């Protein structure tokens, strides 16, 4: 995600540098001349900061994917199989463990 964020910021700063002539007649967003860094670097940092909210957004699907995989492994674990010896419950076959909550251990 961090590499994609950096590439997106690079693309945005290059496009901004290419089209900054359009902004010269707009007095309220005219590019400043007193930047310490070259324009590409300064605007790369600006866009990288603006795109920094991509990181927490991408963590949510990753966490949900990890929970789904944990649930899959719990369901298919042969050691977590319940079989009551003196019962005819479920035809005497028993049943595998099930994760019935999406709030599994995320540590």
PDB file of N, CA and C in Angstrom:
ATOM      1  N   UNK A   1       0.834  -1.183   0.000  1.00  0.00           N
ATOM      2  CA  UNK A   1       0.000   0.000   0.000  1.00  0.00           C
ATOM      3  C   UNK A   1       0.879   1.247   0.000  1.00  0.00           C
ATOM      4  N   UNK A   2       1.975   1.185   0.751  1.00  0.00           N
ATOM      5  CA  UNK A   2       2.856   2.353   0.823  1.00  0.00           C
ATOM      6  C   UNK A   2       3.512   2.635  -0.521  1.00  0.00           C
ATOM      7  N   UNK A   3       3.852   1.586  -1.255  1.00  0.00           N
ATOM      8  CA  UNK A   3       4.435   1.780  -2.583  1.00  0.00           C
ATOM      9  C   UNK A   3       3.402   2.368  -3.531  1.00  0.00           C
ATOM     10  N   UNK A   4       2.177   1.869  -3.471  1.00  0.00           N
ATOM     11  CA  UNK A   4       1.116   2.413  -4.317  1.00  0.00           C
ATOM     12  C   UNK A   4       0.836   3.867  -3.966  1.00  0.00           C
ATOM     13  N   UNK A   5       0.877   4.189  -2.681  1.00  0.00           N
ATOM     14  CA  UNK A   5       0.671   5.567  -2.246  1.00  0.00           C
ATOM     15  C   UNK A   5       1.788   6.468  -2.780  1.00  0.00           C
ATOM     16  N   UNK A   6       3.034   5.995  -2.727  1.00  0.00           N
ATOM     17  CA  UNK A   6       4.158   6.769  -3.249  1.00  0.00           C
ATOM     18  C   UNK A   6       4.070   6.965  -4.751  1.00  0.00           C
ATOM     19  N   UNK A   7       3.673   5.897  -5.476  1.00  0.00           N
ATOM     20  CA  UNK A   7       3.523   6.017  -6.928  1.00  0.00           C
ATOM     21  C   UNK A   7       2.379   6.948  -7.311  1.00  0.00           C
ATOM     22  N   UNK A   8       1.296   6.896  -6.564  1.00  0.00           N
ATOM     23  CA  UNK A   8       0.178   7.792  -6.818  1.00  0.00           C
ATOM     24  C   UNK A   8       0.566   9.238  -6.555  1.00  0.00           C
ATOM     25  N   UNK A   9       1.339   9.467  -5.498  1.00  0.00           N
ATOM     26  CA  UNK A   9       1.823  10.820  -5.215  1.00  0.00           C
ATOM     27  C   UNK A   9       2.786  11.291  -6.293  1.00  0.00           C
ATOM     28  N   UNK A  10       3.635  10.394  -6.804  1.00  0.00           N
ATOM     29  CA  UNK A  10       4.555  10.756  -7.881  1.00  0.00           C
ATOM     30  C   UNK A  10       3.791  11.110  -9.154  1.00  0.00           C
ATOM     31  N   UNK A  11       2.806  10.311  -9.500  1.00  0.00           N
ATOM     32  CA  UNK A  11       1.997  10.602 -10.675  1.00  0.00           C
ATOM     33  C   UNK A  11       1.275  11.934 -10.523  1.00  0.00           C
ATOM     34  N   UNK A  12       0.722  12.186  -9.339  1.00  0.00           N
ATOM     35  CA  UNK A  12       0.018  13.444  -9.097  1.00  0.00           C
ATOM     36  C   UNK A  12       0.961  14.635  -9.169  1.00  0.00           C
ATOM     37  N   UNK A  13       2.163  14.507  -8.621  1.00  0.00           N
ATOM     38  CA  UNK A  13       3.093  15.636  -8.660  1.00  0.00           C
ATOM     39  C   UNK A  13       3.601  15.879 -10.075  1.00  0.00           C
ATOM     40  N   UNK A  14       3.799  14.816 -10.856  1.00  0.00           N
ATOM     41  CA  UNK A  14       4.205  15.005 -12.251  1.00  0.00           C
ATOM     42  C   UNK A  14       3.098  15.652 -13.072  1.00  0.00           C
ATOM     43  N   UNK A  15       1.862  15.214 -12.868  1.00  0.00           N
ATOM     44  CA  UNK A  15       0.742  15.837 -13.572  1.00  0.00           C
ATOM     45  C   UNK A  15       0.546  17.286 -13.141  1.00  0.00           C
ATOM     46  N   UNK A  16       0.747  17.564 -11.862  1.00  0.00           N
ATOM     47  CA  UNK A  16       0.640  18.943 -11.395  1.00  0.00           C
ATOM     48  C   UNK A  16       1.716  19.810 -12.032  1.00  0.00           C
ATOM     49  N   UNK A  17       2.927  19.287 -12.119  1.00  0.00           N
ATOM     50  CA  UNK A  17       4.018  20.042 -12.726  1.00  0.00           C
ATOM     51  C   UNK A  17       3.760  20.273 -14.219  1.00  0.00           C
ATOM     52  N   UNK A  18       3.154  19.306 -14.869  1.00  0.00           N
ATOM     53  CA  UNK A  18       2.861  19.437 -16.283  1.00  0.00           C
ATOM     54  C   UNK A  18       1.757  20.463 -16.542  1.00  0.00           C
ATOM     55  N   UNK A  19       0.794  20.546 -15.654  1.00  0.00           N
ATOM     56  CA  UNK A  19      -0.363  21.418 -15.860  1.00  0.00           C
ATOM     57  C   UNK A  19      -0.355  22.661 -14.973  1.00  0.00           C
ATOM     58  N   UNK A  20       0.765  23.016 -14.373  1.00  0.00           N
ATOM     59  CA  UNK A  20       0.764  24.156 -13.464  1.00  0.00           C
ATOM     60  C   UNK A  20       0.604  25.480 -14.203  1.00  0.00           C
ATOM     61  N   UNK A  21       0.811  25.507 -15.512  1.00  0.00           N
ATOM     62  CA  UNK A  21       0.553  26.720 -16.283  1.00  0.00           C
ATOM     63  C   UNK A  21      -0.908  27.130 -16.227  1.00  0.00           C
ATOM     64  N   UNK A  22      -1.792  26.185 -16.042  1.00  0.00           N
ATOM     65  CA  UNK A  22      -3.212  26.480 -15.926  1.00  0.00           C
ATOM     66  C   UNK A  22      -3.520  27.284 -14.665  1.00  0.00           C
ATOM     67  N   UNK A  23      -2.731  27.087 -13.614  1.00  0.00           N
ATOM     68  CA  UNK A  23      -3.016  27.714 -12.330  1.00  0.00           C
ATOM     69  C   UNK A  23      -2.478  29.135 -12.221  1.00  0.00           C
ATOM     70  N   UNK A  24      -1.709  29.625 -13.185  1.00  0.00           N
ATOM     71  CA  UNK A  24      -1.103  30.949 -13.077  1.00  0.00           C
ATOM     72  C   UNK A  24      -2.131  32.074 -13.097  1.00  0.00           C
ATOM     73  N   UNK A  25      -3.244  31.894 -13.749  1.00  0.00           N
ATOM     74  CA  UNK A  25      -4.241  32.965 -13.775  1.00  0.00           C
ATOM     75  C   UNK A  25      -5.234  32.874 -12.616  1.00  0.00           C
ATOM     76  N   UNK A  26      -5.118  31.849 -11.791  1.00  0.00           N
ATOM     77  CA  UNK A  26      -5.993  31.717 -10.626  1.00  0.00           C
ATOM     78  C   UNK A  26      -5.264  32.264  -9.401  1.00  0.00           C
ATOM     79  N   UNK A  27      -5.613  33.470  -8.978  1.00  0.00           N
ATOM     80  CA  UNK A  27      -4.877  34.145  -7.909  1.00  0.00           C
ATOM     81  C   UNK A  27      -5.007  33.435  -6.566  1.00  0.00           C
ATOM     82  N   UNK A  28      -6.101  32.701  -6.333  1.00  0.00           N
ATOM     83  CA  UNK A  28      -6.318  32.090  -5.026  1.00  0.00           C
ATOM     84  C   UNK A  28      -5.607  30.747  -4.862  1.00  0.00           C
ATOM     85  N   UNK A  29      -5.156  30.116  -5.936  1.00  0.00           N
ATOM     86  CA  UNK A  29      -4.371  28.882  -5.803  1.00  0.00           C
ATOM     87  C   UNK A  29      -3.101  28.943  -6.641  1.00  0.00           C
ATOM     88  N   UNK A  30      -2.612  30.107  -6.866  1.00  0.00           N
ATOM     89  CA  UNK A  30      -1.392  30.270  -7.640  1.00  0.00           C
ATOM     90  C   UNK A  30      -0.231  29.607  -6.900  1.00  0.00           C
ATOM     91  N   UNK A  31       0.584  28.812  -7.596  1.00  0.00           N
ATOM     92  CA  UNK A  31       1.690  28.130  -6.920  1.00  0.00           C
ATOM     93  C   UNK A  31       2.679  29.123  -6.303  1.00  0.00           C
ATOM     94  N   UNK A  32       3.144  28.802  -5.141  1.00  0.00           N
ATOM     95  CA  UNK A  32       4.073  29.686  -4.432  1.00  0.00           C
ATOM     96  C   UNK A  32       5.464  29.593  -5.036  1.00  0.00           C
ATOM     97  N   UNK A  33       6.214  30.688  -4.929  1.00  0.00           N
ATOM     98  CA  UNK A  33       7.585  30.718  -5.441  1.00  0.00           C
ATOM     99  C   UNK A  33       8.626  30.504  -4.346  1.00  0.00           C
ATOM    100  N   UNK A  34       8.228  30.539  -3.085  1.00  0.00           N
ATOM    101  CA  UNK A  34       9.193  30.468  -1.983  1.00  0.00           C
ATOM    102  C   UNK A  34       9.300  29.064  -1.365  1.00  0.00           C
ATOM    103  N   UNK A  35       9.156  28.033  -2.186  1.00  0.00           N
ATOM    104  CA  UNK A  35       9.308  26.671  -1.686  1.00  0.00           C
ATOM    105  C   UNK A  35      10.789  26.346  -1.520  1.00  0.00           C
ATOM    106  N   UNK A  36      11.128  25.626  -0.477  1.00  0.00           N
ATOM    107  CA  UNK A  36      12.518  25.261  -0.214  1.00  0.00           C
ATOM    108  C   UNK A  36      12.987  24.140  -1.126  1.00  0.00           C
ATOM    109  N   UNK A  37      12.083  23.289  -1.484  1.00  0.00           N
ATOM    110  CA  UNK A  37      12.404  22.137  -2.326  1.00  0.00           C
ATOM    111  C   UNK A  37      12.035  22.431  -3.780  1.00  0.00           C
ATOM    112  N   UNK A  38      12.571  21.664  -4.704  1.00  0.00           N
ATOM    113  CA  UNK A  38      12.078  21.776  -6.083  1.00  0.00           C
ATOM    114  C   UNK A  38      10.591  21.418  -6.143  1.00  0.00           C
ATOM    115  N   UNK A  39       9.925  21.931  -7.155  1.00  0.00           N
ATOM    116  CA  UNK A  39       8.466  21.749  -7.227  1.00  0.00           C
ATOM    117  C   UNK A  39       8.046  20.284  -7.186  1.00  0.00           C
ATOM    118  N   UNK A  40       8.722  19.443  -7.903  1.00  0.00           N
ATOM    119  CA  UNK A  40       8.329  18.021  -7.947  1.00  0.00           C
ATOM    120  C   UNK A  40       8.403  17.401  -6.551  1.00  0.00           C
ATOM    121  N   UNK A  41       9.502  17.646  -5.839  1.00  0.00           N
ATOM    122  CA  UNK A  41       9.663  17.075  -4.492  1.00  0.00           C
ATOM    123  C   UNK A  41       8.660  17.655  -3.502  1.00  0.00           C
ATOM    124  N   UNK A  42       8.466  18.968  -3.570  1.00  0.00           N
ATOM    125  CA  UNK A  42       7.539  19.617  -2.634  1.00  0.00           C
ATOM    126  C   UNK A  42       6.115  19.131  -2.847  1.00  0.00           C
ATOM    127  N   UNK A  43       5.706  19.033  -4.099  1.00  0.00           N
ATOM    128  CA  UNK A  43       4.346  18.571  -4.351  1.00  0.00           C
ATOM    129  C   UNK A  43       4.212  17.070  -4.162  1.00  0.00           C
ATOM    130  N   UNK A  44       5.314  16.304  -4.310  1.00  0.00           N
ATOM    131  CA  UNK A  44       5.253  14.882  -3.982  1.00  0.00           C
ATOM    132  C   UNK A  44       4.954  14.715  -2.498  1.00  0.00           C
ATOM    133  N   UNK A  45       5.641  15.472  -1.652  1.00  0.00           N
ATOM    134  CA  UNK A  45       5.372  15.403  -0.209  1.00  0.00           C
ATOM    135  C   UNK A  45       3.942  15.831   0.109  1.00  0.00           C
ATOM    136  N   UNK A  46       3.468  16.848  -0.591  1.00  0.00           N
ATOM    137  CA  UNK A  46       2.094  17.319  -0.376  1.00  0.00           C
ATOM    138  C   UNK A  46       1.091  16.226  -0.732  1.00  0.00           C
ATOM    139  N   UNK A  47       1.250  15.651  -1.906  1.00  0.00           N
ATOM    140  CA  UNK A  47       0.311  14.612  -2.329  1.00  0.00           C
ATOM    141  C   UNK A  47       0.463  13.342  -1.492  1.00  0.00           C
ATOM    142  N   UNK A  48       1.675  13.006  -1.076  1.00  0.00           N
ATOM    143  CA  UNK A  48       1.872  11.841  -0.218  1.00  0.00           C
ATOM    144  C   UNK A  48       1.125  12.018   1.102  1.00  0.00           C
ATOM    145  N   UNK A  49       1.168  13.228   1.641  1.00  0.00           N
ATOM    146  CA  UNK A  49       0.432  13.516   2.878  1.00  0.00           C
ATOM    147  C   UNK A  49      -1.070  13.458   2.644  1.00  0.00           C
ATOM    148  N   UNK A  50      -1.520  13.981   1.505  1.00  0.00           N
ATOM    149  CA  UNK A  50      -2.955  13.947   1.212  1.00  0.00           C
ATOM    150  C   UNK A  50      -3.469  12.522   1.015  1.00  0.00           C
ATOM    151  N   UNK A  51      -2.653  11.664   0.429  1.00  0.00           N
ATOM    152  CA  UNK A  51      -3.064  10.288   0.192  1.00  0.00           C
ATOM    153  C   UNK A  51      -2.773   9.380   1.390  1.00  0.00           C
ATOM    154  N   UNK A  52      -2.370   9.926   2.500  1.00  0.00           N
ATOM    155  CA  UNK A  52      -2.014   9.095   3.652  1.00  0.00           C
ATOM    156  C   UNK A  52      -3.220   8.398   4.284  1.00  0.00           C
ATOM    157  N   UNK A  53      -4.425   8.819   3.945  1.00  0.00           N
ATOM    158  CA  UNK A  53      -5.590   8.128   4.493  1.00  0.00           C
ATOM    159  C   UNK A  53      -5.887   6.834   3.753  1.00  0.00           C
ATOM    160  N   UNK A  54      -5.110   6.489   2.727  1.00  0.00           N
ATOM    161  CA  UNK A  54      -5.285   5.193   2.069  1.00  0.00           C
ATOM    162  C   UNK A  54      -4.872   4.038   2.970  1.00  0.00           C
ATOM    163  N   UNK A  55      -3.908   4.276   3.838  1.00  0.00           N
ATOM    164  CA  UNK A  55      -3.387   3.199   4.689  1.00  0.00           C
ATOM    165  C   UNK A  55      -4.453   2.646   5.634  1.00  0.00           C
ATOM    166  N   UNK A  56      -5.141   3.473   6.442  1.00  0.00           N
ATOM    167  CA  UNK A  56      -6.145   2.881   7.344  1.00  0.00           C
ATOM    168  C   UNK A  56      -7.326   2.275   6.592  1.00  0.00           C
ATOM    169  N   UNK A  57      -7.669   2.824   5.434  1.00  0.00           N
ATOM    170  CA  UNK A  57      -8.778   2.267   4.668  1.00  0.00           C
ATOM    171  C   UNK A  57      -8.422   0.873   4.176  1.00  0.00           C
ATOM    172  N   UNK A  58      -7.184   0.659   3.798  1.00  0.00           N
ATOM    173  CA  UNK A  58      -6.793  -0.648   3.279  1.00  0.00           C
ATOM    174  C   UNK A  58      -6.610  -1.681   4.388  1.00  0.00           C
ATOM    175  N   UNK A  59      -6.457  -1.258   5.621  1.00  0.00           N
ATOM    176  CA  UNK A  59      -6.268  -2.215   6.708  1.00  0.00           C
ATOM    177  C   UNK A  59      -7.562  -2.944   7.062  1.00  0.00           C
ATOM    178  N   UNK A  60      -8.711  -2.320   6.857  1.00  0.00           N
ATOM    179  CA  UNK A  60      -9.984  -2.950   7.200  1.00  0.00           C
ATOM    180  C   UNK A  60     -10.241  -4.205   6.364  1.00  0.00           C
ATOM    181  N   UNK A  61     -10.124  -4.147   5.008  1.00  0.00           N
ATOM    182  CA  UNK A  61     -10.309  -5.397   4.252  1.00  0.00           C
ATOM    183  C   UNK A  61      -9.260  -6.456   4.587  1.00  0.00           C
ATOM    184  N   UNK A  62      -8.044  -6.033   4.902  1.00  0.00           N
ATOM    185  CA  UNK A  62      -7.005  -6.989   5.267  1.00  0.00           C
ATOM    186  C   UNK A  62      -7.379  -7.711   6.555  1.00  0.00           C
ATOM    187  N   UNK A  63      -7.883  -6.981   7.538  1.00  0.00           N
ATOM    188  CA  UNK A  63      -8.315  -7.584   8.800  1.00  0.00           C
ATOM    189  C   UNK A  63      -9.480  -8.548   8.569  1.00  0.00           C
ATOM    190  N   UNK A  64     -10.437  -8.156   7.737  1.00  0.00           N
ATOM    191  CA  UNK A  64     -11.570  -9.031   7.454  1.00  0.00           C
ATOM    192  C   UNK A  64     -11.125 -10.294   6.720  1.00  0.00           C
ATOM    193  N   UNK A  65     -10.159 -10.161   5.818  1.00  0.00           N
ATOM    194  CA  UNK A  65      -9.635 -11.335   5.115  1.00  0.00           C
ATOM    195  C   UNK A  65      -8.948 -12.283   6.101  1.00  0.00           C
ATOM    196  N   UNK A  66      -8.173 -11.720   7.028  1.00  0.00           N
ATOM    197  CA  UNK A  66      -7.505 -12.561   8.041  1.00  0.00           C
ATOM    198  C   UNK A  66      -8.523 -13.275   8.918  1.00  0.00           C
ATOM    199  N   UNK A  67      -9.591 -12.589   9.302  1.00  0.00           N
ATOM    200  CA  UNK A  67     -10.644 -13.234  10.095  1.00  0.00           C
ATOM    201  C   UNK A  67     -11.309 -14.367   9.319  1.00  0.00           C
ATOM    202  N   UNK A  68     -11.550 -14.160   8.027  1.00  0.00           N
ATOM    203  CA  UNK A  68     -12.165 -15.210   7.212  1.00  0.00           C
ATOM    204  C   UNK A  68     -11.241 -16.416   7.096  1.00  0.00           C
ATOM    205  N   UNK A  69      -9.957 -16.191   6.947  1.00  0.00           N
ATOM    206  CA  UNK A  69      -9.018 -17.308   6.849  1.00  0.00           C
ATOM    207  C   UNK A  69      -8.889 -18.042   8.186  1.00  0.00           C
ATOM    208  N   UNK A  70      -8.905 -17.314   9.302  1.00  0.00           N
ATOM    209  CA  UNK A  70      -8.876 -17.973  10.608  1.00  0.00           C
ATOM    210  C   UNK A  70     -10.108 -18.834  10.793  1.00  0.00           C
ATOM    211  N   UNK A  71     -11.260 -18.322  10.389  1.00  0.00           N
ATOM    212  CA  UNK A  71     -12.498 -19.086  10.490  1.00  0.00           C
ATOM    213  C   UNK A  71     -12.428 -20.342   9.634  1.00  0.00           C
ATOM    214  N   UNK A  72     -11.853 -20.229   8.453  1.00  0.00           N
ATOM    215  CA  UNK A  72     -11.698 -21.386   7.568  1.00  0.00           C
ATOM    216  C   UNK A  72     -10.809 -22.448   8.213  1.00  0.00           C
ATOM    217  N   UNK A  73      -9.686 -22.019   8.785  1.00  0.00           N
ATOM    218  CA  UNK A  73      -8.764 -22.982   9.388  1.00  0.00           C
ATOM    219  C   UNK A  73      -9.352 -23.604  10.654  1.00  0.00           C
ATOM    220  N   UNK A  74     -10.115 -22.854  11.423  1.00  0.00           N
ATOM    221  CA  UNK A  74     -10.782 -23.425  12.603  1.00  0.00           C
ATOM    222  C   UNK A  74     -11.800 -24.466  12.162  1.00  0.00           C
ATOM    223  N   UNK A  75     -12.556 -24.174  11.116  1.00  0.00           N
ATOM    224  CA  UNK A  75     -13.596 -25.078  10.637  1.00  0.00           C
ATOM    225  C   UNK A  75     -13.004 -26.376  10.061  1.00  0.00           C
ATOM    226  N   UNK A  76     -11.808 -26.311   9.492  1.00  0.00           N
ATOM    227  CA  UNK A  76     -11.219 -27.483   8.844  1.00  0.00           C
ATOM    228  C   UNK A  76     -10.131 -28.169   9.668  1.00  0.00           C
ATOM    229  N   UNK A  77      -9.995 -27.798  10.920  1.00  0.00           N
ATOM    230  CA  UNK A  77      -8.991 -28.423  11.781  1.00  0.00           C
ATOM    231  C   UNK A  77      -9.525 -29.758  12.300  1.00  0.00           C
ATOM    232  N   UNK A  78      -8.785 -30.812  12.028  1.00  0.00           N
ATOM    233  CA  UNK A  78      -9.217 -32.156  12.450  1.00  0.00           C
ATOM    234  C   UNK A  78      -9.149 -32.332  13.967  1.00  0.00           C
ATOM    235  N   UNK A  79      -8.270 -31.593  14.635  1.00  0.00           N
ATOM    236  CA  UNK A  79      -8.148 -31.706  16.090  1.00  0.00           C
ATOM    237  C   UNK A  79      -9.288 -30.999  16.827  1.00  0.00           C
ATOM    238  N   UNK A  80     -10.017 -30.128  16.143  1.00  0.00           N
ATOM    239  CA  UNK A  80     -11.127 -29.413  16.768  1.00  0.00           C
ATOM    240  C   UNK A  80     -12.470 -30.021  16.336  1.00  0.00           C
ATOM    241  N   UNK A  81     -12.541 -31.320  16.290  1.00  0.00           N
ATOM    242  CA  UNK A  81     -13.744 -32.033  15.874  1.00  0.00           C
ATOM    243  C   UNK A  81     -14.415 -32.625  17.097  1.00  0.00           C
ATOM    244  N   UNK A  82     -15.705 -32.329  17.293  1.00  0.00           N
ATOM    245  CA  UNK A  82     -16.421 -32.816  18.472  1.00  0.00           C
ATOM    246  C   UNK A  82     -17.156 -34.104  18.116  1.00  0.00           C
ATOM    247  N   UNK A  83     -16.888 -35.115  18.914  1.00  0.00           N
ATOM    248  CA  UNK A  83     -17.599 -36.374  18.748  1.00  0.00           C
ATOM    249  C   UNK A  83     -17.931 -36.899  20.134  1.00  0.00           C
ATOM    250  N   UNK A  84     -19.206 -36.917  20.468  1.00  0.00           N
ATOM    251  CA  UNK A  84     -19.630 -37.436  21.768  1.00  0.00           C
ATOM    252  C   UNK A  84     -19.727 -38.956  21.667  1.00  0.00           C
ATOM    253  N   UNK A  85     -19.068 -39.659  22.586  1.00  0.00           N
ATOM    254  CA  UNK A  85     -18.966 -41.121  22.432  1.00  0.00           C
ATOM    255  C   UNK A  85     -20.284 -41.872  22.574  1.00  0.00           C
ATOM    256  N   UNK A  86     -21.163 -41.463  23.492  1.00  0.00           N
ATOM    257  CA  UNK A  86     -22.380 -42.251  23.758  1.00  0.00           C
ATOM    258  C   UNK A  86     -23.627 -41.534  23.269  1.00  0.00           C
ATOM    259  N   UNK A  87     -23.573 -40.913  22.131  1.00  0.00           N
ATOM    260  CA  UNK A  87     -24.723 -40.146  21.677  1.00  0.00           C
ATOM    261  C   UNK A  87     -24.973 -40.424  20.202  1.00  0.00           C
ATOM    262  N   UNK A  88     -26.204 -40.266  19.835  1.00  0.00           N
ATOM    263  CA  UNK A  88     -26.580 -40.384  18.432  1.00  0.00           C
ATOM    264  C   UNK A  88     -26.809 -39.012  17.816  1.00  0.00           C
ATOM    265  N   UNK A  89     -26.248 -37.989  18.450  1.00  0.00           N
ATOM    266  CA  UNK A  89     -26.421 -36.630  17.945  1.00  0.00           C
ATOM    267  C   UNK A  89     -25.793 -36.505  16.566  1.00  0.00           C
ATOM    268  N   UNK A  90     -26.529 -35.989  15.609  1.00  0.00           N
ATOM    269  CA  UNK A  90     -26.060 -35.776  14.243  1.00  0.00           C
ATOM    270  C   UNK A  90     -25.646 -37.115  13.601  1.00  0.00           C
ATOM    271  N   UNK A  91     -26.377 -38.161  13.925  1.00  0.00           N
ATOM    272  CA  UNK A  91     -26.082 -39.472  13.344  1.00  0.00           C
ATOM    273  C   UNK A  91     -24.851 -40.121  13.933  1.00  0.00           C
ATOM    274  N   UNK A  92     -24.371 -39.631  15.063  1.00  0.00           N
ATOM    275  CA  UNK A  92     -23.187 -40.176  15.681  1.00  0.00           C
ATOM    276  C   UNK A  92     -21.898 -39.720  15.023  1.00  0.00           C
ATOM    277  N   UNK A  93     -21.997 -38.846  14.043  1.00  0.00           N
ATOM    278  CA  UNK A  93     -20.810 -38.392  13.328  1.00  0.00           C
ATOM    279  C   UNK A  93     -20.081 -37.261  14.036  1.00  0.00           C
ATOM    280  N   UNK A  94     -20.773 -36.499  14.836  1.00  0.00           N
ATOM    281  CA  UNK A  94     -20.171 -35.330  15.460  1.00  0.00           C
ATOM    282  C   UNK A  94     -20.174 -34.148  14.498  1.00  0.00           C
ATOM    283  N   UNK A  95     -19.454 -33.118  14.860  1.00  0.00           N
ATOM    284  CA  UNK A  95     -19.412 -31.933  13.993  1.00  0.00           C
ATOM    285  C   UNK A  95     -18.126 -31.165  14.238  1.00  0.00           C
ATOM    286  N   UNK A  96     -17.665 -30.432  13.240  1.00  0.00           N
ATOM    287  CA  UNK A  96     -16.433 -29.645  13.386  1.00  0.00           C
ATOM    288  C   UNK A  96     -16.697 -28.359  14.161  1.00  0.00           C
ATOM    289  N   UNK A  97     -15.631 -27.773  14.632  1.00  0.00           N
ATOM    290  CA  UNK A  97     -15.751 -26.492  15.329  1.00  0.00           C
ATOM    291  C   UNK A  97     -16.164 -25.416  14.329  1.00  0.00           C
ATOM    292  N   UNK A  98     -16.889 -24.415  14.834  1.00  0.00           N
ATOM    293  CA  UNK A  98     -17.319 -23.308  13.984  1.00  0.00           C
ATOM    294  C   UNK A  98     -16.986 -21.992  14.671  1.00  0.00           C
ATOM    295  N   UNK A  99     -16.514 -21.063  13.879  1.00  0.00           N
ATOM    296  CA  UNK A  99     -16.305 -19.701  14.386  1.00  0.00           C
ATOM    297  C   UNK A  99     -17.575 -18.924  14.076  1.00  0.00           C
ATOM    298  N   UNK A 100     -18.331 -18.619  15.083  1.00  0.00           N
ATOM    299  CA  UNK A 100     -19.626 -17.952  14.874  1.00  0.00           C
ATOM    300  C   UNK A 100     -19.553 -16.452  15.122  1.00  0.00           C
ATOM    301  N   UNK A 101     -18.380 -15.951  15.225  1.00  0.00           N
ATOM    302  CA  UNK A 101     -18.189 -14.522  15.435  1.00  0.00           C
ATOM    303  C   UNK A 101     -17.113 -14.042  14.490  1.00  0.00           C
ATOM    304  N   UNK A 102     -17.268 -12.815  14.024  1.00  0.00           N
ATOM    305  CA  UNK A 102     -16.232 -12.253  13.144  1.00  0.00           C
ATOM    306  C   UNK A 102     -15.147 -11.533  13.955  1.00  0.00           C
ATOM    307  N   UNK A 103     -15.310 -11.490  15.277  1.00  0.00           N
ATOM    308  CA  UNK A 103     -14.320 -10.835  16.139  1.00  0.00           C
ATOM    309  C   UNK A 103     -13.350 -11.871  16.687  1.00  0.00           C
ATOM    310  N   UNK A 104     -12.566 -12.441  15.790  1.00  0.00           N
ATOM    311  CA  UNK A 104     -11.580 -13.429  16.197  1.00  0.00           C
ATOM    312  C   UNK A 104     -10.338 -12.701  16.714  1.00  0.00           C
ATOM    313  N   UNK A 105      -9.437 -13.472  17.236  1.00  0.00           N
ATOM    314  CA  UNK A 105      -8.200 -12.904  17.766  1.00  0.00           C
ATOM    315  C   UNK A 105      -7.384 -12.284  16.635  1.00  0.00           C
ATOM    316  N   UNK A 106      -7.068 -11.004  16.743  1.00  0.00           N
ATOM    317  CA  UNK A 106      -6.318 -10.317  15.680  1.00  0.00           C
ATOM    318  C   UNK A 106      -4.892 -10.031  16.118  1.00  0.00           C
ATOM    319  N   UNK A 107      -4.429 -10.674  17.135  1.00  0.00           N
ATOM    320  CA  UNK A 107      -3.074 -10.408  17.623  1.00  0.00           C
ATOM    321  C   UNK A 107      -2.105 -11.446  17.129  1.00  0.00           C
TER     322      UNK A 107
END
